[in-house]
Amino acid sequence: MKVLVLLTITFSIAAALCSAQKLGYAVTTVAGSYPLGDGGPAVSALLSGPVSAIPDRSGNLFILDAANSRIRKVTPDGRISTLLQDPTLGVDMKIAPDGTIYYVTLNFSVNKIALGGSPQRFAGNFQSNSAGDNGLAVNAGLTSPSRLAVDSQGNVYISDGNKIRKVDPSGIIHTIAGTDAAGFGGDGGPASLASFHQVGALFPDQSGNLYVADVLNFRIRKISSNGMITTIAGTGPGLYKAGPATAVPLAYIEGLSGDASGNLFAADGDSAILKITPDGFLSAVAGNFNPFAPSADGPALNAGLGMPYAISTDTAGNLYIVDDFHNSIRKLPPDGKVATVAGRTHDGGDGGPATSAISPDSG
């Protein structure tokens, strides 16, 4: 219904503009603008519904700016540009060690972009089903692809409803965990027999383990390199408290990442970033648990992070946080002070020219 109303309004406006031009009227914008900010500082650019921010080995930051249907690039000197515009861009993107970009589309598929290349279909045949295992990924169905991960061996993992699919370097797809039915079970056994309720974010570590956000079971689970699955955090839904990770409740887990010291980080739906140490202790490292707090930079535990959707880490130990609510990308360095590195609020311009004002609904 919302889409139909928007289309009707759009067509009505377009018709009115055409009529005005035919009658010889000049159409002039008197208030409002929507500058994306390409070519300028990333902190002055407008992002709209960002869902992924991935650093590469050269210090660039790639952002999936979903509502703007763009993949954008921030260089080490802080300048932003558009790398790709694609109306089918979905809700996640990852970068392989060789620089290849993978992103989910809205057409039940995953695309890839090699360095200097153009988008190519990588997985999915545009059909919403889970057929095609043990064959070429481009011929397989994907039920509802959402989140991605790429390991150091070049394997690509796809969250596909209640399953995890893996595409190996030869392009063959396999289901490695989960069934089509939602549920919770299988801990202590093979991941291929386990049950999930909406597989979310994925994170592969350097030891061959895969960490999984089991979103509607409010847990984080681990698939070891030998294919066995366990729960490493969460007992079900509840408010945050620090303690042994397997004994505390969790909110929705939206993002996962890790560092070289073996710490696992999770973007918590209660507007915080959690850390699970190698010995299994969970605590908050950023965010004030208030999704409506201003996005003030500064000491991490005082920072308003909106509703963080995704996180990633670079080789220097910096954590990049996708603050979808504030349409920005935040950076948490090891010194514990949050800074905004891309994006800004969508409302502003009071006291200046009306044509330079930003509407909060323009993105």
Protein backbone atom coordinates (compact mmCIF):
# COMPACT_ATOMS: atom_id res chain seq x y z
CA MET A 1 0.00 0.00 0.00
CA LYS A 2 2.83 2.40 0.92
CA VAL A 3 4.58 1.69 -2.39
CA LEU A 4 1.35 2.28 -4.35
CA VAL A 5 0.77 5.63 -2.64
CA LEU A 6 4.35 6.72 -3.29
CA LEU A 7 4.10 5.75 -6.94
CA THR A 8 0.82 7.63 -7.29
CA ILE A 9 2.32 10.73 -5.73
CA THR A 10 5.43 10.42 -7.93
CA PHE A 11 3.40 10.12 -11.14
CA SER A 12 1.15 13.02 -10.10
CA ILE A 13 4.15 15.27 -9.48
CA ALA A 14 5.74 14.24 -12.79
CA ALA A 15 2.50 14.96 -14.66
CA ALA A 16 2.20 18.36 -13.01
CA LEU A 17 5.77 19.26 -13.97
CA CYS A 18 5.20 18.20 -17.58
CA SER A 19 2.00 20.30 -17.75
CA ALA A 20 3.80 23.32 -16.33
CA GLN A 21 6.55 23.02 -18.92
CA LYS A 22 4.04 22.71 -21.78
CA LEU A 23 2.32 25.89 -20.62
CA GLY A 24 5.61 27.74 -20.65
CA TYR A 25 6.09 27.98 -16.89
CA ALA A 26 9.57 27.77 -15.37
CA VAL A 27 9.85 25.20 -12.59
CA THR A 28 12.20 26.28 -9.79
CA THR A 29 13.21 24.49 -6.56
CA VAL A 30 12.58 26.86 -3.67
CA ALA A 31 13.32 24.59 -0.73
CA GLY A 32 15.06 21.28 -0.05
CA SER A 33 17.99 19.48 -1.59
CA TYR A 34 19.55 16.03 -1.56
CA PRO A 35 23.28 16.28 -2.27
CA LEU A 36 25.00 12.91 -1.97
CA GLY A 37 28.36 14.54 -1.39
CA ASP A 38 30.49 12.60 -3.88
CA GLY A 39 33.91 14.14 -4.34
CA GLY A 40 33.85 15.76 -0.92
CA PRO A 41 34.53 14.78 2.68
CA ALA A 42 32.77 11.57 3.68
CA VAL A 43 31.63 13.15 6.97
CA SER A 44 29.65 15.71 4.96
CA ALA A 45 28.07 13.17 2.62
CA LEU A 46 24.53 11.89 2.88
CA LEU A 47 24.04 8.18 3.35
CA SER A 48 20.57 6.68 3.35
CA GLY A 49 19.98 3.34 5.00
CA PRO A 50 23.61 2.14 5.07
CA VAL A 51 23.85 -1.60 5.75
CA SER A 52 27.53 -2.48 5.35
CA ALA A 53 30.93 -0.81 5.81
CA ILE A 54 33.99 -2.89 4.97
CA PRO A 55 37.64 -1.72 5.14
CA ASP A 56 40.15 -3.10 2.66
CA ARG A 57 43.87 -3.70 3.10
CA SER A 58 44.75 -0.35 1.52
CA GLY A 59 42.81 1.73 4.03
CA ASN A 60 39.74 2.34 1.86
CA LEU A 61 36.27 1.92 3.32
CA PHE A 62 33.48 0.54 1.13
CA ILE A 63 29.89 1.34 2.12
CA LEU A 64 26.71 -0.28 0.87
CA ASP A 65 24.42 2.77 0.82
CA ALA A 66 21.25 0.74 0.35
CA ALA A 67 18.47 3.31 0.03
CA ASN A 68 20.63 5.28 -2.40
CA SER A 69 21.26 2.04 -4.38
CA ARG A 70 25.00 2.66 -4.34
CA ILE A 71 28.27 1.14 -3.24
CA ARG A 72 30.45 4.02 -2.14
CA LYS A 73 34.15 4.28 -1.42
CA VAL A 74 35.91 6.39 1.19
CA THR A 75 39.64 6.83 0.57
CA PRO A 76 42.20 7.03 3.40
CA ASP A 77 42.11 10.83 3.17
CA GLY A 78 38.37 10.82 3.87
CA ARG A 79 36.95 11.59 0.40
CA ILE A 80 33.85 9.77 -0.79
CA SER A 81 32.75 8.65 -4.25
CA THR A 82 30.26 6.27 -5.84
CA LEU A 83 31.78 3.03 -7.07
CA LEU A 84 28.58 1.42 -8.34
CA GLN A 85 24.92 2.30 -8.72
CA ASP A 86 22.58 -0.70 -8.84
CA PRO A 87 18.84 -0.60 -8.03
CA THR A 88 18.95 -4.29 -7.09
CA LEU A 89 21.39 -3.80 -4.18
CA GLY A 90 20.32 -5.80 -1.14
CA VAL A 91 21.26 -5.77 2.53
CA ASP A 92 24.87 -6.93 2.74
CA MET A 93 28.28 -6.74 1.09
CA LYS A 94 31.67 -8.29 1.82
CA ILE A 95 35.16 -8.02 0.33
CA ALA A 96 37.41 -11.03 -0.30
CA PRO A 97 41.16 -10.96 0.42
CA ASP A 98 41.81 -10.50 -3.32
CA GLY A 99 39.62 -7.37 -3.41
CA THR A 100 36.56 -8.96 -5.01
CA ILE A 101 33.32 -7.40 -3.75
CA TYR A 102 30.29 -9.62 -3.16
CA TYR A 103 26.83 -8.20 -2.54
CA VAL A 104 23.32 -9.54 -2.08
CA THR A 105 20.67 -8.42 -4.56
CA LEU A 106 16.92 -8.07 -4.26
CA ASN A 107 16.54 -10.71 -7.00
CA PHE A 108 17.37 -13.79 -4.87
CA SER A 109 20.98 -13.74 -6.01
CA VAL A 110 24.50 -12.65 -5.09
CA ASN A 111 26.69 -10.59 -7.43
CA LYS A 112 30.44 -10.11 -7.48
CA ILE A 113 32.71 -7.36 -8.77
CA ALA A 114 36.34 -8.17 -9.44
CA LEU A 115 38.90 -5.37 -9.27
CA GLY A 116 38.35 -3.07 -12.22
CA GLY A 117 35.41 -5.15 -13.42
CA SER A 118 31.65 -4.89 -13.65
CA PRO A 119 28.99 -6.81 -11.67
CA GLN A 120 28.50 -10.49 -12.51
CA ARG A 121 26.05 -12.96 -11.04
CA PHE A 122 27.85 -15.20 -8.57
CA ALA A 123 25.07 -17.27 -6.99
CA GLY A 124 21.34 -17.69 -7.40
CA ASN A 125 19.11 -18.23 -10.42
CA PHE A 126 16.49 -15.61 -9.40
CA GLN A 127 14.25 -18.35 -8.00
CA SER A 128 13.28 -18.39 -4.31
CA ASN A 129 14.04 -21.97 -3.35
CA SER A 130 16.89 -24.03 -1.90
CA ALA A 131 17.47 -26.30 -4.89
CA GLY A 132 20.77 -26.83 -6.63
CA ASP A 133 23.14 -28.02 -3.91
CA ASN A 134 26.37 -29.66 -5.12
CA GLY A 135 26.08 -27.90 -8.47
CA LEU A 136 27.14 -24.52 -9.82
CA ALA A 137 26.01 -21.70 -7.55
CA VAL A 138 24.74 -19.62 -10.48
CA ASN A 139 22.23 -22.38 -11.25
CA ALA A 140 21.02 -22.81 -7.68
CA GLY A 141 17.97 -21.29 -6.04
CA LEU A 142 18.34 -19.06 -2.99
CA THR A 143 15.35 -18.90 -0.65
CA SER A 144 15.99 -15.51 0.98
CA PRO A 145 19.67 -14.51 0.85
CA SER A 146 20.58 -11.82 3.35
CA ARG A 147 24.03 -11.75 4.95
CA LEU A 148 27.43 -12.77 3.55
CA ALA A 149 30.90 -13.75 4.74
CA VAL A 150 34.15 -14.58 2.94
CA ASP A 151 36.95 -16.58 4.54
CA SER A 152 40.69 -16.55 3.87
CA GLN A 153 40.35 -19.57 1.55
CA GLY A 154 37.93 -17.79 -0.76
CA ASN A 155 34.79 -19.59 0.40
CA VAL A 156 31.67 -17.41 0.36
CA TYR A 157 28.98 -18.05 2.98
CA ILE A 158 25.35 -16.99 2.46
CA SER A 159 22.66 -16.66 5.13
CA ASP A 160 19.67 -18.15 3.33
CA GLY A 161 16.58 -18.15 5.51
CA ASN A 162 17.13 -20.84 8.13
CA LYS A 163 20.14 -22.28 6.29
CA ILE A 164 23.76 -21.45 5.64
CA ARG A 165 24.99 -22.07 2.11
CA LYS A 166 28.66 -22.13 1.11
CA VAL A 167 30.09 -21.48 -2.35
CA ASP A 168 33.58 -22.90 -2.68
CA PRO A 169 36.32 -21.36 -4.89
CA SER A 170 35.28 -23.62 -7.79
CA GLY A 171 31.79 -22.13 -7.75
CA ILE A 172 29.97 -25.14 -6.28
CA ILE A 173 27.29 -24.49 -3.67
CA HIS A 174 26.53 -26.62 -0.60
CA THR A 175 24.23 -26.34 2.41
CA ILE A 176 26.48 -26.62 5.46
CA ALA A 177 24.00 -25.91 8.25
CA GLY A 178 20.30 -25.72 8.92
CA THR A 179 17.06 -26.94 7.40
CA ASP A 180 14.16 -25.14 5.74
CA ALA A 181 12.11 -25.35 8.95
CA ALA A 182 12.60 -22.80 11.73
CA GLY A 183 13.55 -24.11 15.16
CA PHE A 184 16.34 -24.45 17.66
CA GLY A 185 18.39 -27.57 18.15
CA GLY A 186 21.41 -29.59 17.21
CA ASP A 187 24.03 -28.23 19.60
CA GLY A 188 26.82 -30.72 20.15
CA GLY A 189 26.22 -32.40 16.81
CA PRO A 190 26.86 -31.78 13.11
CA ALA A 191 25.79 -28.32 11.93
CA SER A 192 24.15 -29.93 8.91
CA LEU A 193 21.49 -31.34 11.29
CA ALA A 194 21.04 -28.19 13.38
CA SER A 195 18.00 -25.91 13.40
CA PHE A 196 18.00 -22.10 13.25
CA HIS A 197 15.34 -19.42 13.36
CA GLN A 198 16.51 -16.85 10.82
CA VAL A 199 20.22 -17.02 10.16
CA GLY A 200 21.71 -13.54 10.28
CA ALA A 201 25.25 -12.19 10.36
CA LEU A 202 28.18 -14.53 9.76
CA PHE A 203 31.84 -14.24 10.72
CA PRO A 204 34.62 -16.72 9.80
CA ASP A 205 37.77 -16.59 11.92
CA GLN A 206 41.31 -17.48 10.90
CA SER A 207 41.04 -20.96 12.41
CA GLY A 208 38.24 -22.13 10.14
CA ASN A 209 35.40 -21.57 12.62
CA LEU A 210 32.20 -19.84 11.52
CA TYR A 211 30.20 -17.69 13.97
CA VAL A 212 26.47 -17.33 13.30
CA ALA A 213 23.82 -14.93 14.56
CA ASP A 214 20.76 -17.10 15.19
CA VAL A 215 18.55 -14.03 15.20
CA LEU A 216 15.14 -15.11 16.45
CA ASN A 217 16.63 -17.63 18.85
CA PHE A 218 18.56 -14.70 20.37
CA ARG A 219 21.83 -16.61 20.35
CA ILE A 220 25.26 -16.65 18.77
CA ARG A 221 26.38 -20.06 17.61
CA LYS A 222 29.72 -21.44 16.46
CA ILE A 223 30.35 -23.98 13.74
CA SER A 224 33.81 -25.40 14.37
CA SER A 225 36.21 -26.30 11.60
CA ASN A 226 35.17 -29.95 12.10
CA GLY A 227 31.51 -29.09 11.33
CA MET A 228 30.15 -29.39 14.88
CA ILE A 229 27.87 -26.68 16.29
CA THR A 230 27.53 -25.13 19.75
CA THR A 231 25.94 -22.05 21.31
CA ILE A 232 28.56 -19.60 22.58
CA ALA A 233 26.32 -16.74 23.71
CA GLY A 234 22.73 -16.14 24.69
CA THR A 235 19.97 -17.94 26.52
CA GLY A 236 17.06 -16.27 24.74
CA PRO A 237 15.61 -12.73 24.62
CA GLY A 238 16.32 -10.28 27.40
CA LEU A 239 18.05 -7.10 28.52
CA TYR A 240 21.83 -6.78 28.57
CA LYS A 241 23.95 -7.80 31.48
CA ALA A 242 27.64 -8.63 31.61
CA GLY A 243 28.72 -12.13 32.50
CA PRO A 244 29.52 -15.56 31.07
CA ALA A 245 28.26 -15.37 27.49
CA THR A 246 26.38 -18.66 27.60
CA ALA A 247 24.44 -17.56 30.70
CA VAL A 248 23.13 -14.12 29.66
CA PRO A 249 20.14 -13.11 27.50
CA LEU A 250 20.58 -11.22 24.23
CA ALA A 251 18.61 -8.88 22.02
CA TYR A 252 18.62 -9.23 18.24
CA ILE A 253 22.19 -9.72 17.04
CA GLU A 254 22.57 -7.76 13.82
CA GLY A 255 26.31 -7.94 13.09
CA LEU A 256 29.39 -10.01 13.92
CA SER A 257 33.11 -9.42 13.58
CA GLY A 258 36.34 -10.32 15.35
CA ASP A 259 39.89 -9.18 15.95
CA ALA A 260 43.36 -10.71 15.85
CA SER A 261 43.25 -11.42 19.60
CA GLY A 262 40.33 -13.80 19.27
CA ASN A 263 37.67 -11.43 20.59
CA LEU A 264 34.25 -11.65 18.95
CA PHE A 265 32.18 -8.46 18.57
CA ALA A 266 28.40 -8.36 18.14
CA ALA A 267 26.09 -5.51 17.15
CA ASP A 268 23.27 -5.73 19.67
CA GLY A 269 19.74 -4.62 18.73
CA ASP A 270 19.56 -2.76 22.04
CA SER A 271 21.96 -0.18 20.57
CA ALA A 272 25.33 -1.37 21.78
CA ILE A 273 28.40 -3.30 20.70
CA LEU A 274 29.20 -6.37 22.75
CA LYS A 275 32.51 -8.18 23.11
CA ILE A 276 32.98 -11.87 23.87
CA THR A 277 36.50 -12.68 24.98
CA PRO A 278 38.24 -15.98 24.12
CA ASP A 279 37.45 -17.22 27.65
CA GLY A 280 33.73 -16.60 27.08
CA PHE A 281 33.00 -13.41 29.03
CA LEU A 282 30.50 -10.97 27.50
CA SER A 283 30.48 -7.21 28.12
CA ALA A 284 29.54 -3.98 26.33
CA VAL A 285 32.32 -1.95 24.71
CA ALA A 286 30.30 0.78 22.96
CA GLY A 287 26.83 2.29 22.95
CA ASN A 288 24.51 3.57 25.67
CA PHE A 289 21.58 1.20 25.03
CA ASN A 290 19.38 4.10 23.89
CA PRO A 291 18.43 3.80 20.20
CA PHE A 292 17.09 7.38 20.14
CA ALA A 293 20.10 9.06 21.71
CA PRO A 294 21.96 11.69 19.66
CA SER A 295 24.91 10.30 17.72
CA ALA A 296 27.49 12.14 19.80
CA ASP A 297 31.07 11.03 19.30
CA GLY A 298 33.42 10.51 22.22
CA PRO A 299 33.85 7.87 24.94
CA ALA A 300 32.45 4.66 23.50
CA LEU A 301 30.06 3.72 26.30
CA ASN A 302 28.44 7.17 26.16
CA ALA A 303 27.97 7.19 22.39
CA GLY A 304 24.53 6.97 20.83
CA LEU A 305 24.77 4.27 18.17
CA GLY A 306 21.15 4.18 17.05
CA MET A 307 20.45 0.62 16.03
CA PRO A 308 23.78 -0.75 14.77
CA TYR A 309 23.20 -3.07 11.84
CA ALA A 310 26.64 -4.36 10.89
CA ILE A 311 30.22 -4.23 12.11
CA SER A 312 33.66 -5.01 10.71
CA THR A 313 37.28 -4.71 11.81
CA ASP A 314 40.49 -3.72 10.07
CA THR A 315 44.03 -4.95 10.57
CA ALA A 316 44.78 -2.11 13.03
CA GLY A 317 42.01 -3.22 15.37
CA ASN A 318 39.56 -0.45 14.47
CA LEU A 319 35.91 -1.43 14.58
CA TYR A 320 33.54 0.07 11.98
CA ILE A 321 29.90 0.33 13.03
CA VAL A 322 27.00 0.83 10.62
CA ASP A 323 24.71 3.22 12.49
CA ASP A 324 21.66 2.78 10.29
CA PHE A 325 19.40 4.94 12.47
CA HIS A 326 21.72 7.96 12.16
CA ASN A 327 22.65 7.21 8.53
CA SER A 328 26.33 7.17 9.39
CA ILE A 329 29.41 5.00 9.80
CA ARG A 330 31.12 5.18 13.17
CA LYS A 331 34.66 4.09 13.98
CA LEU A 332 35.77 2.64 17.30
CA PRO A 333 39.59 2.58 17.57
CA PRO A 334 41.46 0.72 20.30
CA ASP A 335 41.57 3.94 22.39
CA GLY A 336 37.83 3.57 23.01
CA LYS A 337 36.56 6.86 21.54
CA VAL A 338 33.88 6.70 18.85
CA ALA A 339 34.21 8.98 15.81
CA THR A 340 31.94 9.41 12.80
CA VAL A 341 33.82 8.72 9.56
CA ALA A 342 31.02 8.92 6.98
CA GLY A 343 27.49 10.27 6.78
CA ARG A 344 25.56 12.92 8.65
CA THR A 345 22.08 13.75 9.81
CA HIS A 346 19.40 14.20 7.15
CA ASP A 347 17.86 17.33 8.63
CA GLY A 348 19.55 20.68 8.73
CA GLY A 349 19.96 24.01 7.03
CA ASP A 350 18.04 26.25 9.43
CA GLY A 351 19.23 29.83 9.14
CA GLY A 352 20.54 29.32 5.60
CA PRO A 353 19.17 29.25 2.05
CA ALA A 354 16.05 27.09 1.71
CA THR A 355 17.53 25.38 -1.36
CA SER A 356 20.38 24.10 0.78
CA ALA A 357 18.17 22.63 3.48
CA ILE A 358 18.02 18.88 3.95
CA SER A 359 14.71 17.19 4.56
CA PRO A 360 14.78 14.31 7.08
CA ASP A 361 12.73 12.27 4.62
CA SER A 362 14.90 12.99 1.59
CA GLY A 363 16.88 9.80 2.00
